[in-house]
């Protein structure tokens, strides 16, 4: 008979967007199931719009930054994801 002991405290202390169900066995821990909350559509829309604006409207600023350092490559990833995360967490409709 396999004895599985589930530790409920681990699942309760996990962030709301990632939860895992793990069991302790004689051979160590085993993940049975992991699930997460899907990303909102507004996250993708704001991220894509920000990236397009950086490529078109702010292209001269980004080109200048590219010439003096490699920070522009990081900004192409960081700014769209940061703004999209901010917008999806604090939408104007006041959901959260």
C-alpha atoms as a PDB file:
ATOM      1  CA  UNK A   1       0.000   0.000   0.000  1.00  0.00           C
ATOM      2  CA  UNK A   2       1.371   3.397  -0.967  1.00  0.00           C
ATOM      3  CA  UNK A   3       1.109   5.967   1.772  1.00  0.00           C
ATOM      4  CA  UNK A   4       0.864   9.522   0.422  1.00  0.00           C
ATOM      5  CA  UNK A   5       1.047  12.438   2.815  1.00  0.00           C
ATOM      6  CA  UNK A   6      -0.143  15.739   1.360  1.00  0.00           C
ATOM      7  CA  UNK A   7       1.133  18.962   2.877  1.00  0.00           C
ATOM      8  CA  UNK A   8      -1.742  21.462   2.504  1.00  0.00           C
ATOM      9  CA  UNK A   9       0.295  24.377   3.870  1.00  0.00           C
ATOM     10  CA  UNK A  10       2.532  24.376   0.798  1.00  0.00           C
ATOM     11  CA  UNK A  11      -0.417  24.909  -1.543  1.00  0.00           C
ATOM     12  CA  UNK A  12      -1.993  27.594   0.620  1.00  0.00           C
ATOM     13  CA  UNK A  13       1.193  29.635   0.840  1.00  0.00           C
ATOM     14  CA  UNK A  14       1.810  29.550  -2.907  1.00  0.00           C
ATOM     15  CA  UNK A  15       1.072  32.632  -5.028  1.00  0.00           C
ATOM     16  CA  UNK A  16      -2.437  32.707  -6.468  1.00  0.00           C
ATOM     17  CA  UNK A  17      -1.235  32.319 -10.047  1.00  0.00           C
ATOM     18  CA  UNK A  18       0.768  29.119  -9.480  1.00  0.00           C
ATOM     19  CA  UNK A  19      -0.366  26.247  -7.328  1.00  0.00           C
ATOM     20  CA  UNK A  20       1.071  22.750  -7.127  1.00  0.00           C
ATOM     21  CA  UNK A  21      -0.151  19.560  -5.575  1.00  0.00           C
ATOM     22  CA  UNK A  22       2.809  17.583  -4.270  1.00  0.00           C
ATOM     23  CA  UNK A  23       2.952  14.441  -2.232  1.00  0.00           C
ATOM     24  CA  UNK A  24       5.738  13.042  -0.113  1.00  0.00           C
ATOM     25  CA  UNK A  25       6.676   9.470  -0.883  1.00  0.00           C
ATOM     26  CA  UNK A  26       9.441   7.220   0.354  1.00  0.00           C
ATOM     27  CA  UNK A  27      11.519   8.219  -2.679  1.00  0.00           C
ATOM     28  CA  UNK A  28      11.079  11.991  -2.177  1.00  0.00           C
ATOM     29  CA  UNK A  29       8.522  14.550  -3.294  1.00  0.00           C
ATOM     30  CA  UNK A  30       6.412  14.011  -6.373  1.00  0.00           C
ATOM     31  CA  UNK A  31       4.375  16.655  -8.223  1.00  0.00           C
ATOM     32  CA  UNK A  32       0.942  15.322  -9.110  1.00  0.00           C
ATOM     33  CA  UNK A  33      -0.592  18.449 -10.601  1.00  0.00           C
ATOM     34  CA  UNK A  34       0.368  22.053 -11.201  1.00  0.00           C
ATOM     35  CA  UNK A  35      -1.955  24.700 -12.537  1.00  0.00           C
ATOM     36  CA  UNK A  36      -1.922  28.441 -13.049  1.00  0.00           C
ATOM     37  CA  UNK A  37      -4.282  31.292 -13.815  1.00  0.00           C
ATOM     38  CA  UNK A  38      -4.163  32.228 -17.507  1.00  0.00           C
ATOM     39  CA  UNK A  39      -2.787  35.610 -18.537  1.00  0.00           C
ATOM     40  CA  UNK A  40      -5.411  38.191 -19.406  1.00  0.00           C
ATOM     41  CA  UNK A  41      -5.886  39.369 -22.974  1.00  0.00           C
ATOM     42  CA  UNK A  42      -5.191  42.960 -21.899  1.00  0.00           C
ATOM     43  CA  UNK A  43      -1.655  41.884 -20.948  1.00  0.00           C
ATOM     44  CA  UNK A  44      -0.922  40.808 -24.517  1.00  0.00           C
ATOM     45  CA  UNK A  45      -2.626  43.818 -26.109  1.00  0.00           C
ATOM     46  CA  UNK A  46      -0.767  46.392 -23.997  1.00  0.00           C
ATOM     47  CA  UNK A  47       2.512  44.519 -24.405  1.00  0.00           C
ATOM     48  CA  UNK A  48       2.211  44.391 -28.192  1.00  0.00           C
ATOM     49  CA  UNK A  49       1.130  48.045 -28.462  1.00  0.00           C
ATOM     50  CA  UNK A  50       4.056  49.146 -26.273  1.00  0.00           C
ATOM     51  CA  UNK A  51       6.502  47.111 -28.347  1.00  0.00           C
ATOM     52  CA  UNK A  52       5.154  48.571 -31.605  1.00  0.00           C
ATOM     53  CA  UNK A  53       5.401  52.113 -30.195  1.00  0.00           C
ATOM     54  CA  UNK A  54       8.984  51.471 -29.181  1.00  0.00           C
ATOM     55  CA  UNK A  55       9.789  50.246 -32.703  1.00  0.00           C
ATOM     56  CA  UNK A  56       8.107  53.193 -34.459  1.00  0.00           C
ATOM     57  CA  UNK A  57       7.591  56.330 -32.371  1.00  0.00           C
ATOM     58  CA  UNK A  58      10.572  55.910 -30.054  1.00  0.00           C
ATOM     59  CA  UNK A  59      12.900  54.348 -32.627  1.00  0.00           C
ATOM     60  CA  UNK A  60      15.279  57.329 -32.600  1.00  0.00           C
ATOM     61  CA  UNK A  61      15.654  57.127 -28.815  1.00  0.00           C
ATOM     62  CA  UNK A  62      16.147  53.369 -28.968  1.00  0.00           C
ATOM     63  CA  UNK A  63      18.726  53.718 -31.774  1.00  0.00           C
ATOM     64  CA  UNK A  64      20.661  56.247 -29.701  1.00  0.00           C
ATOM     65  CA  UNK A  65      20.608  53.934 -26.687  1.00  0.00           C
ATOM     66  CA  UNK A  66      21.751  51.063 -28.883  1.00  0.00           C
ATOM     67  CA  UNK A  67      24.785  53.068 -30.016  1.00  0.00           C
ATOM     68  CA  UNK A  68      25.938  53.971 -26.515  1.00  0.00           C
ATOM     69  CA  UNK A  69      25.092  50.708 -24.702  1.00  0.00           C
ATOM     70  CA  UNK A  70      23.161  47.485 -24.999  1.00  0.00           C
ATOM     71  CA  UNK A  71      20.386  48.687 -22.672  1.00  0.00           C
ATOM     72  CA  UNK A  72      17.992  49.086 -25.600  1.00  0.00           C
ATOM     73  CA  UNK A  73      17.862  45.317 -26.094  1.00  0.00           C
ATOM     74  CA  UNK A  74      16.839  44.898 -22.472  1.00  0.00           C
ATOM     75  CA  UNK A  75      14.275  47.697 -22.740  1.00  0.00           C
ATOM     76  CA  UNK A  76      12.565  45.992 -25.703  1.00  0.00           C
ATOM     77  CA  UNK A  77      11.732  43.151 -23.325  1.00  0.00           C
ATOM     78  CA  UNK A  78      11.411  44.978 -19.989  1.00  0.00           C
ATOM     79  CA  UNK A  79       9.172  47.958 -20.822  1.00  0.00           C
ATOM     80  CA  UNK A  80       6.382  46.080 -22.661  1.00  0.00           C
ATOM     81  CA  UNK A  81       6.172  43.375 -20.000  1.00  0.00           C
ATOM     82  CA  UNK A  82       6.270  45.888 -17.130  1.00  0.00           C
ATOM     83  CA  UNK A  83       3.597  48.166 -18.612  1.00  0.00           C
ATOM     84  CA  UNK A  84       1.411  45.216 -19.570  1.00  0.00           C
ATOM     85  CA  UNK A  85       1.681  43.763 -16.070  1.00  0.00           C
ATOM     86  CA  UNK A  86       0.877  47.133 -14.504  1.00  0.00           C
ATOM     87  CA  UNK A  87      -2.155  47.626 -16.769  1.00  0.00           C
ATOM     88  CA  UNK A  88      -3.526  44.117 -16.271  1.00  0.00           C
ATOM     89  CA  UNK A  89      -3.187  44.369 -12.475  1.00  0.00           C
ATOM     90  CA  UNK A  90      -4.697  47.867 -12.229  1.00  0.00           C
ATOM     91  CA  UNK A  91      -7.197  48.113 -15.063  1.00  0.00           C
ATOM     92  CA  UNK A  92      -9.089  51.406 -15.451  1.00  0.00           C
ATOM     93  CA  UNK A  93     -12.409  49.650 -14.820  1.00  0.00           C
ATOM     94  CA  UNK A  94     -11.289  49.082 -11.234  1.00  0.00           C
ATOM     95  CA  UNK A  95     -11.394  45.291 -11.206  1.00  0.00           C
ATOM     96  CA  UNK A  96      -8.509  44.882  -8.769  1.00  0.00           C
END
